[in-house]
Amino acid sequence: MKVKEVLDVKGLACPMPIVKTKKAMEALQSG
């Protein structure tokens, strides 16, 4: 598996890491 994107959510208060992860996953193409 190759890494296409790294999402750094260190230091963010909940629920921001979850929100940012969801948006990043939606932006990535499947496959």
C-alpha atoms as a PDB file:
ATOM      1  CA  MET A   1       0.000   0.000   0.000  1.00  0.00           C
ATOM      2  CA  LYS A   2       1.373   3.397  -0.962  1.00  0.00           C
ATOM      3  CA  VAL A   3       0.708   6.507   1.078  1.00  0.00           C
ATOM      4  CA  LYS A   4      -0.853   9.268  -1.003  1.00  0.00           C
ATOM      5  CA  GLU A   5      -1.567  11.798   1.711  1.00  0.00           C
ATOM      6  CA  VAL A   6      -0.614  12.389   5.325  1.00  0.00           C
ATOM      7  CA  LEU A   7      -3.112  14.139   7.581  1.00  0.00           C
ATOM      8  CA  ASP A   8      -1.652  15.768  10.693  1.00  0.00           C
ATOM      9  CA  VAL A   9      -4.308  16.351  13.356  1.00  0.00           C
ATOM     10  CA  LYS A  10      -2.013  16.477  16.384  1.00  0.00           C
ATOM     11  CA  GLY A  11      -2.986  19.145  18.883  1.00  0.00           C
ATOM     12  CA  LEU A  12      -6.532  19.608  17.617  1.00  0.00           C
ATOM     13  CA  ALA A  13      -9.438  19.340  20.041  1.00  0.00           C
ATOM     14  CA  CYS A  14     -12.263  16.880  19.422  1.00  0.00           C
ATOM     15  CA  PRO A  15     -14.167  16.575  17.182  1.00  0.00           C
ATOM     16  CA  MET A  16     -11.896  18.362  14.690  1.00  0.00           C
ATOM     17  CA  PRO A  17      -9.581  15.381  14.007  1.00  0.00           C
ATOM     18  CA  ILE A  18     -12.608  13.268  13.057  1.00  0.00           C
ATOM     19  CA  VAL A  19     -14.076  16.020  10.856  1.00  0.00           C
ATOM     20  CA  LYS A  20     -10.757  16.632   9.079  1.00  0.00           C
ATOM     21  CA  THR A  21     -10.219  12.893   8.571  1.00  0.00           C
ATOM     22  CA  LYS A  22     -13.697  12.506   7.054  1.00  0.00           C
ATOM     23  CA  LYS A  23     -13.169  15.433   4.671  1.00  0.00           C
ATOM     24  CA  ALA A  24      -9.731  14.153   3.642  1.00  0.00           C
ATOM     25  CA  MET A  25     -11.099  10.670   2.956  1.00  0.00           C
ATOM     26  CA  GLU A  26     -13.926  12.103   0.848  1.00  0.00           C
ATOM     27  CA  ALA A  27     -11.388  14.087  -1.173  1.00  0.00           C
ATOM     28  CA  LEU A  28      -9.287  11.007  -1.961  1.00  0.00           C
ATOM     29  CA  GLN A  29     -10.184   8.874  -4.937  1.00  0.00           C
ATOM     30  CA  SER A  30     -10.989   5.245  -4.270  1.00  0.00           C
ATOM     31  CA  GLY A  31      -8.509   2.660  -5.436  1.00  0.00           C
END
